Amino acid sequence: MKSWVDEVKKAAWSQPADIKAQYRCASILKNRRVVFNIKGNDYRLVVSVAYRFQAIYVEFIGTHAEYDLIDAETVEMEP
């Protein structure tokens, strides 16, 4: 995760294609959502991307099994 965070801090994504160019295995969803496979797909990270503001919002992080129980297009991080 730390490596991913370091890479994303340096990224300048202005559209989904920019993410796919850097992370070919990322899944682009509706509502500016992106799913990343972490640690060989053991974990899934769902983020919402605000391209205009160059901001990433973590909506979900969990195991692949936990991911299978959520709707990645609507899930939100619990406070």
PDB file of N, CA and C in Angstrom:
ATOM      1  N   MET A   1       0.826  -1.194   0.000  1.00  0.00           N
ATOM      2  CA  MET A   1       0.000   0.000   0.000  1.00  0.00           C
ATOM      3  C   MET A   1       0.865   1.251   0.000  1.00  0.00           C
ATOM      4  N   LYS A   2       1.939   1.215   0.761  1.00  0.00           N
ATOM      5  CA  LYS A   2       2.792   2.403   0.831  1.00  0.00           C
ATOM      6  C   LYS A   2       3.347   2.752  -0.551  1.00  0.00           C
ATOM      7  N   SER A   3       3.739   1.754  -1.306  1.00  0.00           N
ATOM      8  CA  SER A   3       4.255   1.999  -2.658  1.00  0.00           C
ATOM      9  C   SER A   3       3.176   2.625  -3.535  1.00  0.00           C
ATOM     10  N   TRP A   4       1.946   2.116  -3.432  1.00  0.00           N
ATOM     11  CA  TRP A   4       0.847   2.669  -4.212  1.00  0.00           C
ATOM     12  C   TRP A   4       0.618   4.128  -3.847  1.00  0.00           C
ATOM     13  N   VAL A   5       0.589   4.431  -2.549  1.00  0.00           N
ATOM     14  CA  VAL A   5       0.373   5.808  -2.093  1.00  0.00           C
ATOM     15  C   VAL A   5       1.479   6.718  -2.638  1.00  0.00           C
ATOM     16  N   ASP A   6       2.722   6.280  -2.564  1.00  0.00           N
ATOM     17  CA  ASP A   6       3.835   7.087  -3.069  1.00  0.00           C
ATOM     18  C   ASP A   6       3.692   7.341  -4.572  1.00  0.00           C
ATOM     19  N   GLU A   7       3.298   6.329  -5.324  1.00  0.00           N
ATOM     20  CA  GLU A   7       3.126   6.488  -6.772  1.00  0.00           C
ATOM     21  C   GLU A   7       1.975   7.435  -7.089  1.00  0.00           C
ATOM     22  N   VAL A   8       0.873   7.311  -6.368  1.00  0.00           N
ATOM     23  CA  VAL A   8      -0.304   8.140  -6.633  1.00  0.00           C
ATOM     24  C   VAL A   8      -0.045   9.599  -6.279  1.00  0.00           C
ATOM     25  N   LYS A   9       0.733   9.840  -5.248  1.00  0.00           N
ATOM     26  CA  LYS A   9       1.065  11.221  -4.885  1.00  0.00           C
ATOM     27  C   LYS A   9       1.799  11.929  -6.023  1.00  0.00           C
ATOM     28  N   LYS A  10       2.552  11.192  -6.806  1.00  0.00           N
ATOM     29  CA  LYS A  10       3.316  11.762  -7.922  1.00  0.00           C
ATOM     30  C   LYS A  10       2.520  11.809  -9.225  1.00  0.00           C
ATOM     31  N   ALA A  11       1.391  11.119  -9.266  1.00  0.00           N
ATOM     32  CA  ALA A  11       0.606  11.012 -10.500  1.00  0.00           C
ATOM     33  C   ALA A  11      -0.123  12.322 -10.801  1.00  0.00           C
ATOM     34  N   ALA A  12      -0.379  12.531 -12.075  1.00  0.00           N
ATOM     35  CA  ALA A  12      -1.149  13.689 -12.539  1.00  0.00           C
ATOM     36  C   ALA A  12      -2.209  13.172 -13.509  1.00  0.00           C
ATOM     37  N   TRP A  13      -3.209  12.500 -12.967  1.00  0.00           N
ATOM     38  CA  TRP A  13      -4.249  11.901 -13.792  1.00  0.00           C
ATOM     39  C   TRP A  13      -5.310  12.933 -14.129  1.00  0.00           C
ATOM     40  N   SER A  14      -5.628  13.078 -15.405  1.00  0.00           N
ATOM     41  CA  SER A  14      -6.686  14.002 -15.802  1.00  0.00           C
ATOM     42  C   SER A  14      -7.881  13.273 -16.404  1.00  0.00           C
ATOM     43  N   GLN A  15      -7.739  11.959 -16.597  1.00  0.00           N
ATOM     44  CA  GLN A  15      -8.817  11.147 -17.155  1.00  0.00           C
ATOM     45  C   GLN A  15      -8.550   9.683 -16.836  1.00  0.00           C
ATOM     46  N   PRO A  16      -9.562   8.843 -16.934  1.00  0.00           N
ATOM     47  CA  PRO A  16      -9.385   7.416 -16.625  1.00  0.00           C
ATOM     48  C   PRO A  16      -8.282   6.744 -17.441  1.00  0.00           C
ATOM     49  N   ALA A  17      -8.088   7.154 -18.675  1.00  0.00           N
ATOM     50  CA  ALA A  17      -7.047   6.547 -19.511  1.00  0.00           C
ATOM     51  C   ALA A  17      -5.660   6.729 -18.900  1.00  0.00           C
ATOM     52  N   ASP A  18      -5.453   7.811 -18.168  1.00  0.00           N
ATOM     53  CA  ASP A  18      -4.161   8.042 -17.512  1.00  0.00           C
ATOM     54  C   ASP A  18      -3.912   6.985 -16.430  1.00  0.00           C
ATOM     55  N   ILE A  19      -4.961   6.621 -15.714  1.00  0.00           N
ATOM     56  CA  ILE A  19      -4.834   5.586 -14.689  1.00  0.00           C
ATOM     57  C   ILE A  19      -4.534   4.244 -15.342  1.00  0.00           C
ATOM     58  N   LYS A  20      -5.277   3.927 -16.409  1.00  0.00           N
ATOM     59  CA  LYS A  20      -5.067   2.651 -17.108  1.00  0.00           C
ATOM     60  C   LYS A  20      -3.660   2.568 -17.703  1.00  0.00           C
ATOM     61  N   ALA A  21      -3.101   3.683 -18.119  1.00  0.00           N
ATOM     62  CA  ALA A  21      -1.751   3.687 -18.662  1.00  0.00           C
ATOM     63  C   ALA A  21      -0.730   3.329 -17.587  1.00  0.00           C
ATOM     64  N   GLN A  22      -0.989   3.743 -16.364  1.00  0.00           N
ATOM     65  CA  GLN A  22      -0.071   3.470 -15.257  1.00  0.00           C
ATOM     66  C   GLN A  22      -0.364   2.126 -14.593  1.00  0.00           C
ATOM     67  N   TYR A  23      -1.638   1.787 -14.482  1.00  0.00           N
ATOM     68  CA  TYR A  23      -2.064   0.547 -13.813  1.00  0.00           C
ATOM     69  C   TYR A  23      -2.988  -0.215 -14.756  1.00  0.00           C
ATOM     70  N   ARG A  24      -2.431  -1.059 -15.580  1.00  0.00           N
ATOM     71  CA  ARG A  24      -3.215  -1.780 -16.585  1.00  0.00           C
ATOM     72  C   ARG A  24      -4.277  -2.683 -15.985  1.00  0.00           C
ATOM     73  N   CYS A  25      -4.073  -3.153 -14.759  1.00  0.00           N
ATOM     74  CA  CYS A  25      -5.047  -4.046 -14.124  1.00  0.00           C
ATOM     75  C   CYS A  25      -6.138  -3.295 -13.367  1.00  0.00           C
ATOM     76  N   ALA A  26      -6.058  -1.973 -13.322  1.00  0.00           N
ATOM     77  CA  ALA A  26      -7.101  -1.202 -12.642  1.00  0.00           C
ATOM     78  C   ALA A  26      -8.404  -1.319 -13.418  1.00  0.00           C
ATOM     79  N   SER A  27      -9.505  -1.335 -12.688  1.00  0.00           N
ATOM     80  CA  SER A  27     -10.829  -1.391 -13.315  1.00  0.00           C
ATOM     81  C   SER A  27     -11.497  -0.024 -13.173  1.00  0.00           C
ATOM     82  N   ILE A  28     -11.872   0.556 -14.288  1.00  0.00           N
ATOM     83  CA  ILE A  28     -12.541   1.849 -14.290  1.00  0.00           C
ATOM     84  C   ILE A  28     -14.051   1.598 -14.233  1.00  0.00           C
ATOM     85  N   LEU A  29     -14.700   2.180 -13.230  1.00  0.00           N
ATOM     86  CA  LEU A  29     -16.138   2.015 -13.046  1.00  0.00           C
ATOM     87  C   LEU A  29     -16.853   3.341 -13.292  1.00  0.00           C
ATOM     88  N   LYS A  30     -18.181   3.320 -13.151  1.00  0.00           N
ATOM     89  CA  LYS A  30     -18.966   4.553 -13.235  1.00  0.00           C
ATOM     90  C   LYS A  30     -18.687   5.415 -12.007  1.00  0.00           C
ATOM     91  N   ASN A  31     -19.190   6.639 -12.055  1.00  0.00           N
ATOM     92  CA  ASN A  31     -19.108   7.562 -10.915  1.00  0.00           C
ATOM     93  C   ASN A  31     -17.674   7.862 -10.488  1.00  0.00           C
ATOM     94  N   ARG A  32     -16.754   7.907 -11.449  1.00  0.00           N
ATOM     95  CA  ARG A  32     -15.337   8.231 -11.194  1.00  0.00           C
ATOM     96  C   ARG A  32     -14.686   7.243 -10.225  1.00  0.00           C
ATOM     97  N   ARG A  33     -15.192   6.024 -10.180  1.00  0.00           N
ATOM     98  CA  ARG A  33     -14.639   4.997  -9.295  1.00  0.00           C
ATOM     99  C   ARG A  33     -13.599   4.169 -10.029  1.00  0.00           C
ATOM    100  N   VAL A  34     -12.586   3.755  -9.278  1.00  0.00           N
ATOM    101  CA  VAL A  34     -11.535   2.894  -9.815  1.00  0.00           C
ATOM    102  C   VAL A  34     -11.235   1.820  -8.782  1.00  0.00           C
ATOM    103  N   VAL A  35     -11.056   0.590  -9.256  1.00  0.00           N
ATOM    104  CA  VAL A  35     -10.697  -0.532  -8.391  1.00  0.00           C
ATOM    105  C   VAL A  35      -9.264  -0.938  -8.712  1.00  0.00           C
ATOM    106  N   PHE A  36      -8.438  -0.995  -7.671  1.00  0.00           N
ATOM    107  CA  PHE A  36      -7.052  -1.423  -7.806  1.00  0.00           C
ATOM    108  C   PHE A  36      -6.871  -2.771  -7.121  1.00  0.00           C
ATOM    109  N   ASN A  37      -6.103  -3.636  -7.731  1.00  0.00           N
ATOM    110  CA  ASN A  37      -5.717  -4.905  -7.125  1.00  0.00           C
ATOM    111  C   ASN A  37      -4.435  -4.672  -6.336  1.00  0.00           C
ATOM    112  N   ILE A  38      -4.442  -5.071  -5.094  1.00  0.00           N
ATOM    113  CA  ILE A  38      -3.291  -4.863  -4.211  1.00  0.00           C
ATOM    114  C   ILE A  38      -2.730  -6.216  -3.803  1.00  0.00           C
ATOM    115  N   LYS A  39      -1.424  -6.318  -3.776  1.00  0.00           N
ATOM    116  CA  LYS A  39      -0.716  -7.527  -3.361  1.00  0.00           C
ATOM    117  C   LYS A  39      -1.194  -8.755  -4.137  1.00  0.00           C
ATOM    118  N   GLY A  40      -1.049  -8.656  -5.446  1.00  0.00           N
ATOM    119  CA  GLY A  40      -1.387  -9.801  -6.283  1.00  0.00           C
ATOM    120  C   GLY A  40      -2.853 -10.173  -6.239  1.00  0.00           C
ATOM    121  N   ASN A  41      -3.713  -9.160  -6.063  1.00  0.00           N
ATOM    122  CA  ASN A  41      -5.160  -9.351  -6.030  1.00  0.00           C
ATOM    123  C   ASN A  41      -5.664  -9.967  -4.723  1.00  0.00           C
ATOM    124  N   ASP A  42      -4.816 -10.020  -3.687  1.00  0.00           N
ATOM    125  CA  ASP A  42      -5.284 -10.477  -2.375  1.00  0.00           C
ATOM    126  C   ASP A  42      -6.230  -9.444  -1.768  1.00  0.00           C
ATOM    127  N   TYR A  43      -6.001  -8.180  -2.091  1.00  0.00           N
ATOM    128  CA  TYR A  43      -6.795  -7.079  -1.554  1.00  0.00           C
ATOM    129  C   TYR A  43      -7.319  -6.238  -2.697  1.00  0.00           C
ATOM    130  N   ARG A  44      -8.418  -5.535  -2.421  1.00  0.00           N
ATOM    131  CA  ARG A  44      -8.997  -4.626  -3.402  1.00  0.00           C
ATOM    132  C   ARG A  44      -9.124  -3.251  -2.757  1.00  0.00           C
ATOM    133  N   LEU A  45      -8.834  -2.244  -3.548  1.00  0.00           N
ATOM    134  CA  LEU A  45      -8.935  -0.858  -3.123  1.00  0.00           C
ATOM    135  C   LEU A  45      -9.865  -0.148  -4.084  1.00  0.00           C
ATOM    136  N   VAL A  46     -10.931   0.441  -3.556  1.00  0.00           N
ATOM    137  CA  VAL A  46     -11.870   1.204  -4.372  1.00  0.00           C
ATOM    138  C   VAL A  46     -11.698   2.672  -4.004  1.00  0.00           C
ATOM    139  N   VAL A  47     -11.449   3.488  -5.018  1.00  0.00           N
ATOM    140  CA  VAL A  47     -11.290   4.919  -4.785  1.00  0.00           C
ATOM    141  C   VAL A  47     -12.224   5.692  -5.696  1.00  0.00           C
ATOM    142  N   SER A  48     -12.500   6.904  -5.284  1.00  0.00           N
ATOM    143  CA  SER A  48     -13.212   7.866  -6.105  1.00  0.00           C
ATOM    144  C   SER A  48     -12.176   8.913  -6.494  1.00  0.00           C
ATOM    145  N   VAL A  49     -12.138   9.264  -7.769  1.00  0.00           N
ATOM    146  CA  VAL A  49     -11.116  10.183  -8.261  1.00  0.00           C
ATOM    147  C   VAL A  49     -11.752  11.514  -8.648  1.00  0.00           C
ATOM    148  N   ALA A  50     -11.223  12.598  -8.087  1.00  0.00           N
ATOM    149  CA  ALA A  50     -11.637  13.952  -8.470  1.00  0.00           C
ATOM    150  C   ALA A  50     -10.522  14.486  -9.368  1.00  0.00           C
ATOM    151  N   TYR A  51     -10.638  14.202 -10.654  1.00  0.00           N
ATOM    152  CA  TYR A  51      -9.580  14.546 -11.601  1.00  0.00           C
ATOM    153  C   TYR A  51      -9.274  16.040 -11.587  1.00  0.00           C
ATOM    154  N   ARG A  52     -10.300  16.846 -11.531  1.00  0.00           N
ATOM    155  CA  ARG A  52     -10.131  18.306 -11.579  1.00  0.00           C
ATOM    156  C   ARG A  52      -9.281  18.829 -10.418  1.00  0.00           C
ATOM    157  N   PHE A  53      -9.431  18.207  -9.261  1.00  0.00           N
ATOM    158  CA  PHE A  53      -8.716  18.655  -8.065  1.00  0.00           C
ATOM    159  C   PHE A  53      -7.499  17.797  -7.738  1.00  0.00           C
ATOM    160  N   GLN A  54      -7.240  16.775  -8.584  1.00  0.00           N
ATOM    161  CA  GLN A  54      -6.125  15.862  -8.350  1.00  0.00           C
ATOM    162  C   GLN A  54      -6.214  15.248  -6.953  1.00  0.00           C
ATOM    163  N   ALA A  55      -7.416  14.773  -6.617  1.00  0.00           N
ATOM    164  CA  ALA A  55      -7.652  14.183  -5.291  1.00  0.00           C
ATOM    165  C   ALA A  55      -8.201  12.766  -5.449  1.00  0.00           C
ATOM    166  N   ILE A  56      -7.833  11.931  -4.494  1.00  0.00           N
ATOM    167  CA  ILE A  56      -8.294  10.539  -4.436  1.00  0.00           C
ATOM    168  C   ILE A  56      -8.978  10.344  -3.092  1.00  0.00           C
ATOM    169  N   TYR A  57     -10.159   9.721  -3.111  1.00  0.00           N
ATOM    170  CA  TYR A  57     -10.893   9.424  -1.887  1.00  0.00           C
ATOM    171  C   TYR A  57     -11.024   7.905  -1.769  1.00  0.00           C
ATOM    172  N   VAL A  58     -10.514   7.351  -0.702  1.00  0.00           N
ATOM    173  CA  VAL A  58     -10.620   5.911  -0.481  1.00  0.00           C
ATOM    174  C   VAL A  58     -12.043   5.610  -0.035  1.00  0.00           C
ATOM    175  N   GLU A  59     -12.707   4.734  -0.782  1.00  0.00           N
ATOM    176  CA  GLU A  59     -14.080   4.351  -0.464  1.00  0.00           C
ATOM    177  C   GLU A  59     -14.150   2.973   0.182  1.00  0.00           C
ATOM    178  N   PHE A  60     -13.174   2.113  -0.122  1.00  0.00           N
ATOM    179  CA  PHE A  60     -13.171   0.753   0.432  1.00  0.00           C
ATOM    180  C   PHE A  60     -11.776   0.167   0.271  1.00  0.00           C
ATOM    181  N   ILE A  61     -11.360  -0.577   1.276  1.00  0.00           N
ATOM    182  CA  ILE A  61     -10.175  -1.420   1.168  1.00  0.00           C
ATOM    183  C   ILE A  61     -10.452  -2.685   1.965  1.00  0.00           C
ATOM    184  N   GLY A  62     -10.200  -3.813   1.347  1.00  0.00           N
ATOM    185  CA  GLY A  62     -10.474  -5.079   2.013  1.00  0.00           C
ATOM    186  C   GLY A  62      -9.970  -6.250   1.205  1.00  0.00           C
ATOM    187  N   THR A  63     -10.206  -7.422   1.723  1.00  0.00           N
ATOM    188  CA  THR A  63      -9.790  -8.636   1.017  1.00  0.00           C
ATOM    189  C   THR A  63     -10.651  -8.822  -0.222  1.00  0.00           C
ATOM    190  N   HIS A  64     -10.212  -9.700  -1.084  1.00  0.00           N
ATOM    191  CA  HIS A  64     -10.989 -10.011  -2.286  1.00  0.00           C
ATOM    192  C   HIS A  64     -12.362 -10.551  -1.885  1.00  0.00           C
ATOM    193  N   ALA A  65     -12.413 -11.394  -0.852  1.00  0.00           N
ATOM    194  CA  ALA A  65     -13.686 -11.951  -0.389  1.00  0.00           C
ATOM    195  C   ALA A  65     -14.613 -10.848   0.132  1.00  0.00           C
ATOM    196  N   GLU A  66     -14.076  -9.886   0.862  1.00  0.00           N
ATOM    197  CA  GLU A  66     -14.889  -8.767   1.361  1.00  0.00           C
ATOM    198  C   GLU A  66     -15.386  -7.906   0.199  1.00  0.00           C
ATOM    199  N   TYR A  67     -14.535  -7.728  -0.796  1.00  0.00           N
ATOM    200  CA  TYR A  67     -14.907  -6.950  -1.977  1.00  0.00           C
ATOM    201  C   TYR A  67     -16.105  -7.579  -2.692  1.00  0.00           C
ATOM    202  N   ASP A  68     -16.137  -8.889  -2.733  1.00  0.00           N
ATOM    203  CA  ASP A  68     -17.234  -9.582  -3.408  1.00  0.00           C
ATOM    204  C   ASP A  68     -18.594  -9.311  -2.758  1.00  0.00           C
ATOM    205  N   LEU A  69     -18.597  -8.804  -1.528  1.00  0.00           N
ATOM    206  CA  LEU A  69     -19.839  -8.544  -0.800  1.00  0.00           C
ATOM    207  C   LEU A  69     -20.349  -7.107  -0.945  1.00  0.00           C
ATOM    208  N   ILE A  70     -19.615  -6.247  -1.645  1.00  0.00           N
ATOM    209  CA  ILE A  70     -20.000  -4.839  -1.751  1.00  0.00           C
ATOM    210  C   ILE A  70     -20.339  -4.479  -3.194  1.00  0.00           C
ATOM    211  N   ASP A  71     -20.940  -3.313  -3.356  1.00  0.00           N
ATOM    212  CA  ASP A  71     -21.156  -2.731  -4.679  1.00  0.00           C
ATOM    213  C   ASP A  71     -20.108  -1.628  -4.825  1.00  0.00           C
ATOM    214  N   ALA A  72     -19.099  -1.861  -5.627  1.00  0.00           N
ATOM    215  CA  ALA A  72     -17.972  -0.934  -5.758  1.00  0.00           C
ATOM    216  C   ALA A  72     -18.385   0.431  -6.310  1.00  0.00           C
ATOM    217  N   GLU A  73     -19.519   0.487  -6.996  1.00  0.00           N
ATOM    218  CA  GLU A  73     -19.965   1.759  -7.563  1.00  0.00           C
ATOM    219  C   GLU A  73     -20.666   2.658  -6.564  1.00  0.00           C
ATOM    220  N   THR A  74     -21.050   2.114  -5.405  1.00  0.00           N
ATOM    221  CA  THR A  74     -21.773   2.919  -4.428  1.00  0.00           C
ATOM    222  C   THR A  74     -21.177   2.877  -3.020  1.00  0.00           C
ATOM    223  N   VAL A  75     -20.267   1.961  -2.754  1.00  0.00           N
ATOM    224  CA  VAL A  75     -19.715   1.822  -1.414  1.00  0.00           C
ATOM    225  C   VAL A  75     -19.032   3.127  -0.969  1.00  0.00           C
ATOM    226  N   GLU A  76     -19.145   3.424   0.315  1.00  0.00           N
ATOM    227  CA  GLU A  76     -18.471   4.580   0.887  1.00  0.00           C
ATOM    228  C   GLU A  76     -17.786   4.173   2.172  1.00  0.00           C
ATOM    229  N   MET A  77     -16.658   4.782   2.447  1.00  0.00           N
ATOM    230  CA  MET A  77     -15.891   4.484   3.656  1.00  0.00           C
ATOM    231  C   MET A  77     -16.726   4.882   4.863  1.00  0.00           C
ATOM    232  N   GLU A  78     -16.809   3.990   5.831  1.00  0.00           N
ATOM    233  CA  GLU A  78     -17.537   4.280   7.057  1.00  0.00           C
ATOM    234  C   GLU A  78     -16.712   5.187   7.941  1.00  0.00           C
ATOM    235  N   PRO A  79     -17.378   6.159   8.624  1.00  0.00           N
ATOM    236  CA  PRO A  79     -16.626   7.077   9.508  1.00  0.00           C
ATOM    237  C   PRO A  79     -16.062   6.387  10.721  1.00  0.00           C
TER     238      PRO A  79
END
